[in-house]
């Protein structure tokens, strides 16, 4: 197997890595921030509200990871369809004039 994967360029791999990290970090940080406002004495059932926020955070993480996986699959399909060569044959086969179907 080749050392480089031709269908995922370095920029695509870097963006997927950043998106994966953000998929974990952003919902977790937002959930922790929101849970600060649900404390015992300030809310009727703080533990239950914090557990609900945890479920929402888990759902947001799973959803965003699914979206990252979808983008990665699309990048893989695009790279496989393009192939290892990024230059094509001359069009139209060495002719000087443009060919029309009119």
PDB file of N, CA and C in Angstrom:
ATOM      1  N   UNK A   1       0.853  -1.181   0.000  1.00  0.00           N
ATOM      2  CA  UNK A   1       0.000   0.000   0.000  1.00  0.00           C
ATOM      3  C   UNK A   1       0.895   1.240   0.000  1.00  0.00           C
ATOM      4  N   UNK A   2       0.466   2.232  -0.720  1.00  0.00           N
ATOM      5  CA  UNK A   2       1.261   3.450  -0.828  1.00  0.00           C
ATOM      6  C   UNK A   2       1.299   4.186   0.503  1.00  0.00           C
ATOM      7  N   UNK A   3       2.388   4.939   0.690  1.00  0.00           N
ATOM      8  CA  UNK A   3       2.520   5.656   1.960  1.00  0.00           C
ATOM      9  C   UNK A   3       1.577   6.849   2.041  1.00  0.00           C
ATOM     10  N   UNK A   4       1.209   7.394   0.906  1.00  0.00           N
ATOM     11  CA  UNK A   4       0.248   8.499   0.906  1.00  0.00           C
ATOM     12  C   UNK A   4      -1.055   8.022   0.297  1.00  0.00           C
ATOM     13  N   UNK A   5      -2.135   8.478   0.841  1.00  0.00           N
ATOM     14  CA  UNK A   5      -3.453   8.146   0.320  1.00  0.00           C
ATOM     15  C   UNK A   5      -3.831   9.258  -0.641  1.00  0.00           C
ATOM     16  N   UNK A   6      -3.923   8.918  -1.930  1.00  0.00           N
ATOM     17  CA  UNK A   6      -4.099   9.964  -2.930  1.00  0.00           C
ATOM     18  C   UNK A   6      -5.462  10.607  -2.885  1.00  0.00           C
ATOM     19  N   UNK A   7      -6.457   9.942  -2.335  1.00  0.00           N
ATOM     20  CA  UNK A   7      -7.794  10.523  -2.366  1.00  0.00           C
ATOM     21  C   UNK A   7      -8.073  11.424  -1.171  1.00  0.00           C
ATOM     22  N   UNK A   8      -7.216  11.427  -0.173  1.00  0.00           N
ATOM     23  CA  UNK A   8      -7.355  12.385   0.925  1.00  0.00           C
ATOM     24  C   UNK A   8      -6.069  13.197   1.009  1.00  0.00           C
ATOM     25  N   UNK A   9      -6.135  14.423   0.541  1.00  0.00           N
ATOM     26  CA  UNK A   9      -4.959  15.283   0.574  1.00  0.00           C
ATOM     27  C   UNK A   9      -4.687  15.717   2.007  1.00  0.00           C
ATOM     28  N   UNK A  10      -3.542  16.327   2.214  1.00  0.00           N
ATOM     29  CA  UNK A  10      -3.173  16.780   3.560  1.00  0.00           C
ATOM     30  C   UNK A  10      -4.166  17.816   4.081  1.00  0.00           C
ATOM     31  N   UNK A  11      -4.636  18.684   3.220  1.00  0.00           N
ATOM     32  CA  UNK A  11      -5.603  19.707   3.648  1.00  0.00           C
ATOM     33  C   UNK A  11      -6.922  19.069   4.079  1.00  0.00           C
ATOM     34  N   UNK A  12      -7.363  18.059   3.337  1.00  0.00           N
ATOM     35  CA  UNK A  12      -8.621  17.385   3.695  1.00  0.00           C
ATOM     36  C   UNK A  12      -8.459  16.643   5.008  1.00  0.00           C
ATOM     37  N   UNK A  13      -7.347  15.932   5.185  1.00  0.00           N
ATOM     38  CA  UNK A  13      -7.112  15.224   6.454  1.00  0.00           C
ATOM     39  C   UNK A  13      -7.052  16.190   7.628  1.00  0.00           C
ATOM     40  N   UNK A  14      -6.404  17.348   7.429  1.00  0.00           N
ATOM     41  CA  UNK A  14      -6.311  18.344   8.500  1.00  0.00           C
ATOM     42  C   UNK A  14      -7.692  18.904   8.848  1.00  0.00           C
ATOM     43  N   UNK A  15      -8.491  19.184   7.826  1.00  0.00           N
ATOM     44  CA  UNK A  15      -9.836  19.716   8.079  1.00  0.00           C
ATOM     45  C   UNK A  15     -10.725  18.685   8.762  1.00  0.00           C
ATOM     46  N   UNK A  16     -10.600  17.423   8.365  1.00  0.00           N
ATOM     47  CA  UNK A  16     -11.386  16.380   9.025  1.00  0.00           C
ATOM     48  C   UNK A  16     -10.961  16.204  10.482  1.00  0.00           C
ATOM     49  N   UNK A  17      -9.667  16.307  10.751  1.00  0.00           N
ATOM     50  CA  UNK A  17      -9.188  16.212  12.126  1.00  0.00           C
ATOM     51  C   UNK A  17      -9.705  17.375  12.975  1.00  0.00           C
ATOM     52  N   UNK A  18      -9.663  18.575  12.429  1.00  0.00           N
ATOM     53  CA  UNK A  18     -10.171  19.750  13.152  1.00  0.00           C
ATOM     54  C   UNK A  18     -11.680  19.623  13.383  1.00  0.00           C
ATOM     55  N   UNK A  19     -12.398  19.165  12.362  1.00  0.00           N
ATOM     56  CA  UNK A  19     -13.854  19.001  12.507  1.00  0.00           C
ATOM     57  C   UNK A  19     -14.194  17.932  13.535  1.00  0.00           C
ATOM     58  N   UNK A  20     -13.405  16.852  13.583  1.00  0.00           N
ATOM     59  CA  UNK A  20     -13.653  15.812  14.581  1.00  0.00           C
ATOM     60  C   UNK A  20     -13.404  16.336  15.985  1.00  0.00           C
ATOM     61  N   UNK A  21     -12.314  17.075  16.163  1.00  0.00           N
ATOM     62  CA  UNK A  21     -12.028  17.649  17.483  1.00  0.00           C
ATOM     63  C   UNK A  21     -13.112  18.648  17.891  1.00  0.00           C
ATOM     64  N   UNK A  22     -13.555  19.458  16.944  1.00  0.00           N
ATOM     65  CA  UNK A  22     -14.611  20.427  17.247  1.00  0.00           C
ATOM     66  C   UNK A  22     -15.938  19.729  17.546  1.00  0.00           C
ATOM     67  N   UNK A  23     -16.164  18.574  16.919  1.00  0.00           N
ATOM     68  CA  UNK A  23     -17.400  17.823  17.171  1.00  0.00           C
ATOM     69  C   UNK A  23     -17.487  17.338  18.604  1.00  0.00           C
ATOM     70  N   UNK A  24     -16.344  17.066  19.211  1.00  0.00           N
ATOM     71  CA  UNK A  24     -16.330  16.679  20.616  1.00  0.00           C
ATOM     72  C   UNK A  24     -16.308  17.900  21.539  1.00  0.00           C
ATOM     73  N   UNK A  25     -15.467  18.868  21.226  1.00  0.00           N
ATOM     74  CA  UNK A  25     -15.198  19.972  22.154  1.00  0.00           C
ATOM     75  C   UNK A  25     -16.349  20.971  22.264  1.00  0.00           C
ATOM     76  N   UNK A  26     -16.891  21.391  21.140  1.00  0.00           N
ATOM     77  CA  UNK A  26     -17.892  22.468  21.167  1.00  0.00           C
ATOM     78  C   UNK A  26     -19.167  22.065  21.923  1.00  0.00           C
ATOM     79  N   UNK A  27     -19.793  20.916  21.613  1.00  0.00           N
ATOM     80  CA  UNK A  27     -20.996  20.571  22.399  1.00  0.00           C
ATOM     81  C   UNK A  27     -20.695  20.346  23.880  1.00  0.00           C
ATOM     82  N   UNK A  28     -19.545  19.754  24.173  1.00  0.00           N
ATOM     83  CA  UNK A  28     -19.201  19.509  25.568  1.00  0.00           C
ATOM     84  C   UNK A  28     -19.005  20.823  26.327  1.00  0.00           C
ATOM     85  N   UNK A  29     -18.289  21.788  25.720  1.00  0.00           N
ATOM     86  CA  UNK A  29     -18.074  23.073  26.385  1.00  0.00           C
ATOM     87  C   UNK A  29     -19.378  23.847  26.553  1.00  0.00           C
ATOM     88  N   UNK A  30     -20.224  23.832  25.544  1.00  0.00           N
ATOM     89  CA  UNK A  30     -21.511  24.517  25.654  1.00  0.00           C
ATOM     90  C   UNK A  30     -22.373  23.855  26.724  1.00  0.00           C
ATOM     91  N   UNK A  31     -22.364  22.526  26.768  1.00  0.00           N
ATOM     92  CA  UNK A  31     -23.136  21.810  27.794  1.00  0.00           C
ATOM     93  C   UNK A  31     -22.646  22.109  29.201  1.00  0.00           C
ATOM     94  N   UNK A  32     -21.332  22.147  29.382  1.00  0.00           N
ATOM     95  CA  UNK A  32     -20.796  22.481  30.701  1.00  0.00           C
ATOM     96  C   UNK A  32     -21.130  23.913  31.099  1.00  0.00           C
ATOM     97  N   UNK A  33     -21.128  24.823  30.134  1.00  0.00           N
ATOM     98  CA  UNK A  33     -21.478  26.208  30.429  1.00  0.00           C
ATOM     99  C   UNK A  33     -22.945  26.321  30.838  1.00  0.00           C
ATOM    100  N   UNK A  34     -23.817  25.645  30.116  1.00  0.00           N
ATOM    101  CA  UNK A  34     -25.251  25.724  30.406  1.00  0.00           C
ATOM    102  C   UNK A  34     -25.564  25.051  31.740  1.00  0.00           C
ATOM    103  N   UNK A  35     -24.858  23.971  32.076  1.00  0.00           N
ATOM    104  CA  UNK A  35     -25.141  23.268  33.334  1.00  0.00           C
ATOM    105  C   UNK A  35     -24.775  24.110  34.559  1.00  0.00           C
ATOM    106  N   UNK A  36     -23.971  25.141  34.408  1.00  0.00           N
ATOM    107  CA  UNK A  36     -23.635  26.006  35.537  1.00  0.00           C
ATOM    108  C   UNK A  36     -24.860  26.738  36.067  1.00  0.00           C
ATOM    109  N   UNK A  37     -25.843  26.975  35.213  1.00  0.00           N
ATOM    110  CA  UNK A  37     -27.023  27.722  35.614  1.00  0.00           C
ATOM    111  C   UNK A  37     -28.081  26.846  36.291  1.00  0.00           C
ATOM    112  N   UNK A  38     -27.875  25.539  36.302  1.00  0.00           N
ATOM    113  CA  UNK A  38     -28.812  24.613  36.938  1.00  0.00           C
ATOM    114  C   UNK A  38     -28.162  24.054  38.200  1.00  0.00           C
ATOM    115  N   UNK A  39     -28.316  24.777  39.297  1.00  0.00           N
ATOM    116  CA  UNK A  39     -27.714  24.376  40.567  1.00  0.00           C
ATOM    117  C   UNK A  39     -28.824  24.095  41.579  1.00  0.00           C
ATOM    118  N   UNK A  40     -28.466  23.280  42.554  1.00  0.00           N
ATOM    119  CA  UNK A  40     -29.433  22.976  43.622  1.00  0.00           C
ATOM    120  C   UNK A  40     -29.806  24.265  44.345  1.00  0.00           C
ATOM    121  N   UNK A  41     -31.065  24.466  44.573  1.00  0.00           N
ATOM    122  CA  UNK A  41     -31.550  25.674  45.225  1.00  0.00           C
ATOM    123  C   UNK A  41     -32.013  26.720  44.232  1.00  0.00           C
ATOM    124  N   UNK A  42     -31.435  26.734  43.043  1.00  0.00           N
ATOM    125  CA  UNK A  42     -31.858  27.675  42.011  1.00  0.00           C
ATOM    126  C   UNK A  42     -32.837  27.030  41.034  1.00  0.00           C
ATOM    127  N   UNK A  43     -32.832  25.717  41.004  1.00  0.00           N
ATOM    128  CA  UNK A  43     -33.704  24.983  40.098  1.00  0.00           C
ATOM    129  C   UNK A  43     -34.398  23.884  40.896  1.00  0.00           C
ATOM    130  N   UNK A  44     -35.625  23.573  40.527  1.00  0.00           N
ATOM    131  CA  UNK A  44     -36.399  22.596  41.282  1.00  0.00           C
ATOM    132  C   UNK A  44     -35.776  21.203  41.294  1.00  0.00           C
ATOM    133  N   UNK A  45     -35.299  20.755  40.180  1.00  0.00           N
ATOM    134  CA  UNK A  45     -34.679  19.439  40.077  1.00  0.00           C
ATOM    135  C   UNK A  45     -33.418  19.581  39.232  1.00  0.00           C
ATOM    136  N   UNK A  46     -32.353  20.059  39.855  1.00  0.00           N
ATOM    137  CA  UNK A  46     -31.122  20.401  39.140  1.00  0.00           C
ATOM    138  C   UNK A  46     -30.440  19.174  38.544  1.00  0.00           C
ATOM    139  N   UNK A  47     -30.446  18.072  39.277  1.00  0.00           N
ATOM    140  CA  UNK A  47     -29.767  16.861  38.790  1.00  0.00           C
ATOM    141  C   UNK A  47     -30.442  16.342  37.526  1.00  0.00           C
ATOM    142  N   UNK A  48     -31.768  16.354  37.531  1.00  0.00           N
ATOM    143  CA  UNK A  48     -32.499  15.881  36.356  1.00  0.00           C
ATOM    144  C   UNK A  48     -32.262  16.805  35.165  1.00  0.00           C
ATOM    145  N   UNK A  49     -32.219  18.101  35.383  1.00  0.00           N
ATOM    146  CA  UNK A  49     -31.974  19.056  34.305  1.00  0.00           C
ATOM    147  C   UNK A  49     -30.560  18.896  33.749  1.00  0.00           C
ATOM    148  N   UNK A  50     -29.586  18.671  34.630  1.00  0.00           N
ATOM    149  CA  UNK A  50     -28.214  18.465  34.162  1.00  0.00           C
ATOM    150  C   UNK A  50     -28.085  17.160  33.379  1.00  0.00           C
ATOM    151  N   UNK A  51     -28.812  16.138  33.780  1.00  0.00           N
ATOM    152  CA  UNK A  51     -28.801  14.873  33.045  1.00  0.00           C
ATOM    153  C   UNK A  51     -29.424  15.053  31.658  1.00  0.00           C
ATOM    154  N   UNK A  52     -30.481  15.847  31.568  1.00  0.00           N
ATOM    155  CA  UNK A  52     -31.089  16.135  30.276  1.00  0.00           C
ATOM    156  C   UNK A  52     -30.105  16.871  29.368  1.00  0.00           C
ATOM    157  N   UNK A  53     -29.368  17.805  29.920  1.00  0.00           N
ATOM    158  CA  UNK A  53     -28.349  18.525  29.151  1.00  0.00           C
ATOM    159  C   UNK A  53     -27.268  17.554  28.678  1.00  0.00           C
ATOM    160  N   UNK A  54     -26.890  16.605  29.532  1.00  0.00           N
ATOM    161  CA  UNK A  54     -25.907  15.604  29.120  1.00  0.00           C
ATOM    162  C   UNK A  54     -26.409  14.778  27.943  1.00  0.00           C
ATOM    163  N   UNK A  55     -27.679  14.399  27.972  1.00  0.00           N
ATOM    164  CA  UNK A  55     -28.242  13.648  26.850  1.00  0.00           C
ATOM    165  C   UNK A  55     -28.237  14.478  25.562  1.00  0.00           C
ATOM    166  N   UNK A  56     -28.560  15.757  25.674  1.00  0.00           N
ATOM    167  CA  UNK A  56     -28.547  16.642  24.508  1.00  0.00           C
ATOM    168  C   UNK A  56     -27.132  16.785  23.965  1.00  0.00           C
ATOM    169  N   UNK A  57     -26.152  16.893  24.854  1.00  0.00           N
ATOM    170  CA  UNK A  57     -24.752  17.005  24.429  1.00  0.00           C
ATOM    171  C   UNK A  57     -24.311  15.730  23.714  1.00  0.00           C
ATOM    172  N   UNK A  58     -24.663  14.576  24.262  1.00  0.00           N
ATOM    173  CA  UNK A  58     -24.304  13.307  23.618  1.00  0.00           C
ATOM    174  C   UNK A  58     -24.946  13.224  22.234  1.00  0.00           C
ATOM    175  N   UNK A  59     -26.190  13.630  22.114  1.00  0.00           N
ATOM    176  CA  UNK A  59     -26.858  13.633  20.812  1.00  0.00           C
ATOM    177  C   UNK A  59     -26.196  14.583  19.823  1.00  0.00           C
ATOM    178  N   UNK A  60     -25.778  15.762  20.302  1.00  0.00           N
ATOM    179  CA  UNK A  60     -25.102  16.715  19.422  1.00  0.00           C
ATOM    180  C   UNK A  60     -23.748  16.183  18.965  1.00  0.00           C
ATOM    181  N   UNK A  61     -23.033  15.502  19.850  1.00  0.00           N
ATOM    182  CA  UNK A  61     -21.734  14.922  19.483  1.00  0.00           C
ATOM    183  C   UNK A  61     -21.918  13.818  18.449  1.00  0.00           C
ATOM    184  N   UNK A  62     -22.892  12.943  18.658  1.00  0.00           N
ATOM    185  CA  UNK A  62     -23.127  11.858  17.697  1.00  0.00           C
ATOM    186  C   UNK A  62     -23.559  12.427  16.345  1.00  0.00           C
ATOM    187  N   UNK A  63     -24.420  13.438  16.360  1.00  0.00           N
ATOM    188  CA  UNK A  63     -24.869  14.057  15.109  1.00  0.00           C
ATOM    189  C   UNK A  63     -23.707  14.699  14.369  1.00  0.00           C
ATOM    190  N   UNK A  64     -22.874  15.466  15.075  1.00  0.00           N
ATOM    191  CA  UNK A  64     -21.771  16.145  14.399  1.00  0.00           C
ATOM    192  C   UNK A  64     -20.717  15.155  13.904  1.00  0.00           C
ATOM    193  N   UNK A  65     -20.471  14.081  14.648  1.00  0.00           N
ATOM    194  CA  UNK A  65     -19.546  13.059  14.156  1.00  0.00           C
ATOM    195  C   UNK A  65     -20.108  12.359  12.917  1.00  0.00           C
ATOM    196  N   UNK A  66     -21.414  12.185  12.861  1.00  0.00           N
ATOM    197  CA  UNK A  66     -22.039  11.616  11.671  1.00  0.00           C
ATOM    198  C   UNK A  66     -21.859  12.537  10.474  1.00  0.00           C
ATOM    199  N   UNK A  67     -21.965  13.840  10.688  1.00  0.00           N
ATOM    200  CA  UNK A  67     -21.751  14.786   9.603  1.00  0.00           C
ATOM    201  C   UNK A  67     -20.295  14.777   9.135  1.00  0.00           C
ATOM    202  N   UNK A  68     -19.345  14.675  10.060  1.00  0.00           N
ATOM    203  CA  UNK A  68     -17.931  14.588   9.686  1.00  0.00           C
ATOM    204  C   UNK A  68     -17.685  13.311   8.889  1.00  0.00           C
ATOM    205  N   UNK A  69     -18.291  12.211   9.305  1.00  0.00           N
ATOM    206  CA  UNK A  69     -18.153  10.954   8.570  1.00  0.00           C
ATOM    207  C   UNK A  69     -18.745  11.073   7.164  1.00  0.00           C
ATOM    208  N   UNK A  70     -19.862  11.783   7.028  1.00  0.00           N
ATOM    209  CA  UNK A  70     -20.477  11.990   5.720  1.00  0.00           C
ATOM    210  C   UNK A  70     -19.564  12.806   4.812  1.00  0.00           C
ATOM    211  N   UNK A  71     -18.950  13.842   5.340  1.00  0.00           N
ATOM    212  CA  UNK A  71     -18.025  14.657   4.551  1.00  0.00           C
ATOM    213  C   UNK A  71     -16.793  13.838   4.168  1.00  0.00           C
ATOM    214  N   UNK A  72     -16.286  13.024   5.098  1.00  0.00           N
ATOM    215  CA  UNK A  72     -15.130  12.182   4.792  1.00  0.00           C
ATOM    216  C   UNK A  72     -15.477  11.169   3.708  1.00  0.00           C
ATOM    217  N   UNK A  73     -16.655  10.597   3.768  1.00  0.00           N
ATOM    218  CA  UNK A  73     -17.081   9.653   2.734  1.00  0.00           C
ATOM    219  C   UNK A  73     -17.207  10.352   1.383  1.00  0.00           C
ATOM    220  N   UNK A  74     -17.743  11.566   1.380  1.00  0.00           N
ATOM    221  CA  UNK A  74     -17.836  12.337   0.138  1.00  0.00           C
ATOM    222  C   UNK A  74     -16.463  12.680  -0.421  1.00  0.00           C
ATOM    223  N   UNK A  75     -15.512  13.036   0.447  1.00  0.00           N
ATOM    224  CA  UNK A  75     -14.146  13.319  -0.011  1.00  0.00           C
ATOM    225  C   UNK A  75     -13.490  12.063  -0.565  1.00  0.00           C
ATOM    226  N   UNK A  76     -13.744  10.930   0.068  1.00  0.00           N
ATOM    227  CA  UNK A  76     -13.184   9.666  -0.417  1.00  0.00           C
ATOM    228  C   UNK A  76     -13.761   9.308  -1.785  1.00  0.00           C
ATOM    229  N   UNK A  77     -15.068   9.443  -1.944  1.00  0.00           N
ATOM    230  CA  UNK A  77     -15.703   9.145  -3.227  1.00  0.00           C
ATOM    231  C   UNK A  77     -15.173  10.084  -4.308  1.00  0.00           C
ATOM    232  N   UNK A  78     -15.046  11.347  -3.989  1.00  0.00           N
ATOM    233  CA  UNK A  78     -14.527  12.322  -4.948  1.00  0.00           C
ATOM    234  C   UNK A  78     -13.100  11.977  -5.355  1.00  0.00           C
ATOM    235  N   UNK A  79     -12.271  11.602  -4.392  1.00  0.00           N
ATOM    236  CA  UNK A  79     -10.891  11.251  -4.699  1.00  0.00           C
ATOM    237  C   UNK A  79     -10.776   9.977  -5.502  1.00  0.00           C
ATOM    238  N   UNK A  80     -11.595   8.997  -5.192  1.00  0.00           N
ATOM    239  CA  UNK A  80     -11.555   7.739  -5.937  1.00  0.00           C
ATOM    240  C   UNK A  80     -12.046   7.958  -7.362  1.00  0.00           C
ATOM    241  N   UNK A  81     -13.077   8.764  -7.530  1.00  0.00           N
ATOM    242  CA  UNK A  81     -13.575   9.027  -8.874  1.00  0.00           C
ATOM    243  C   UNK A  81     -12.588   9.838  -9.696  1.00  0.00           C
ATOM    244  N   UNK A  82     -11.831  10.714  -9.041  1.00  0.00           N
ATOM    245  CA  UNK A  82     -10.845  11.518  -9.753  1.00  0.00           C
ATOM    246  C   UNK A  82      -9.639  10.668 -10.129  1.00  0.00           C
ATOM    247  N   UNK A  83      -9.219   9.777  -9.260  1.00  0.00           N
ATOM    248  CA  UNK A  83      -8.100   8.896  -9.539  1.00  0.00           C
ATOM    249  C   UNK A  83      -6.769   9.493  -9.110  1.00  0.00           C
ATOM    250  N   UNK A  84      -5.695   8.711  -9.237  1.00  0.00           N
ATOM    251  CA  UNK A  84      -4.395   9.187  -8.773  1.00  0.00           C
ATOM    252  C   UNK A  84      -3.784  10.263  -9.668  1.00  0.00           C
ATOM    253  N   UNK A  85      -4.198  10.309 -10.936  1.00  0.00           N
ATOM    254  CA  UNK A  85      -3.671  11.332 -11.842  1.00  0.00           C
ATOM    255  C   UNK A  85      -4.594  12.532 -11.809  1.00  0.00           C
ATOM    256  N   UNK A  86      -4.027  13.705 -11.614  1.00  0.00           N
ATOM    257  CA  UNK A  86      -4.845  14.915 -11.543  1.00  0.00           C
ATOM    258  C   UNK A  86      -4.808  15.708 -12.839  1.00  0.00           C
ATOM    259  N   UNK A  87      -4.116  15.191 -13.868  1.00  0.00           N
ATOM    260  CA  UNK A  87      -4.120  15.839 -15.170  1.00  0.00           C
ATOM    261  C   UNK A  87      -4.807  14.921 -16.164  1.00  0.00           C
ATOM    262  N   UNK A  88      -5.484  15.495 -17.094  1.00  0.00           N
ATOM    263  CA  UNK A  88      -6.241  14.692 -18.040  1.00  0.00           C
ATOM    264  C   UNK A  88      -5.621  14.726 -19.419  1.00  0.00           C
ATOM    265  N   UNK A  89      -6.255  14.053 -20.332  1.00  0.00           N
ATOM    266  CA  UNK A  89      -5.814  14.062 -21.715  1.00  0.00           C
ATOM    267  C   UNK A  89      -6.167  15.401 -22.327  1.00  0.00           C
ATOM    268  N   UNK A  90      -5.407  15.816 -23.345  1.00  0.00           N
ATOM    269  CA  UNK A  90      -5.755  17.081 -23.998  1.00  0.00           C
ATOM    270  C   UNK A  90      -7.102  16.943 -24.697  1.00  0.00           C
ATOM    271  N   UNK A  91      -7.870  18.003 -24.640  1.00  0.00           N
ATOM    272  CA  UNK A  91      -9.187  17.981 -25.274  1.00  0.00           C
ATOM    273  C   UNK A  91      -9.245  19.065 -26.314  1.00  0.00           C
ATOM    274  N   UNK A  92      -9.770  18.812 -27.416  1.00  0.00           N
ATOM    275  CA  UNK A  92     -10.137  17.542 -28.021  1.00  0.00           C
ATOM    276  C   UNK A  92      -8.960  16.943 -28.783  1.00  0.00           C
ATOM    277  N   UNK A  93      -8.316  15.995 -28.249  1.00  0.00           N
ATOM    278  CA  UNK A  93      -7.288  15.134 -28.834  1.00  0.00           C
ATOM    279  C   UNK A  93      -6.361  15.846 -29.804  1.00  0.00           C
ATOM    280  N   UNK A  94      -5.808  16.949 -29.391  1.00  0.00           N
ATOM    281  CA  UNK A  94      -4.810  17.647 -30.205  1.00  0.00           C
ATOM    282  C   UNK A  94      -5.362  18.569 -31.273  1.00  0.00           C
ATOM    283  N   UNK A  95      -6.658  18.696 -31.389  1.00  0.00           N
ATOM    284  CA  UNK A  95      -7.246  19.585 -32.415  1.00  0.00           C
ATOM    285  C   UNK A  95      -7.044  21.031 -32.006  1.00  0.00           C
ATOM    286  N   UNK A  96      -6.823  21.872 -33.011  1.00  0.00           N
ATOM    287  CA  UNK A  96      -6.598  23.302 -32.742  1.00  0.00           C
ATOM    288  C   UNK A  96      -7.908  24.054 -32.571  1.00  0.00           C
ATOM    289  N   UNK A  97      -8.920  23.651 -33.289  1.00  0.00           N
ATOM    290  CA  UNK A  97     -10.201  24.352 -33.250  1.00  0.00           C
ATOM    291  C   UNK A  97     -11.151  23.656 -32.303  1.00  0.00           C
ATOM    292  N   UNK A  98     -12.055  24.428 -31.751  1.00  0.00           N
ATOM    293  CA  UNK A  98     -13.071  23.876 -30.869  1.00  0.00           C
ATOM    294  C   UNK A  98     -14.137  23.178 -31.681  1.00  0.00           C
ATOM    295  N   UNK A  99     -14.532  22.003 -31.266  1.00  0.00           N
ATOM    296  CA  UNK A  99     -15.553  21.252 -31.962  1.00  0.00           C
ATOM    297  C   UNK A  99     -16.924  21.582 -31.386  1.00  0.00           C
ATOM    298  N   UNK A 100     -17.906  21.750 -32.224  1.00  0.00           N
ATOM    299  CA  UNK A 100     -19.258  22.073 -31.786  1.00  0.00           C
ATOM    300  C   UNK A 100     -20.205  20.990 -32.238  1.00  0.00           C
ATOM    301  N   UNK A 101     -21.255  20.767 -31.502  1.00  0.00           N
ATOM    302  CA  UNK A 101     -22.279  19.804 -31.868  1.00  0.00           C
ATOM    303  C   UNK A 101     -23.447  20.443 -32.601  1.00  0.00           C
ATOM    304  N   UNK A 102     -23.310  21.703 -32.962  1.00  0.00           N
ATOM    305  CA  UNK A 102     -24.427  22.406 -33.611  1.00  0.00           C
ATOM    306  C   UNK A 102     -24.681  21.889 -34.991  1.00  0.00           C
TER     307      UNK A 102
END
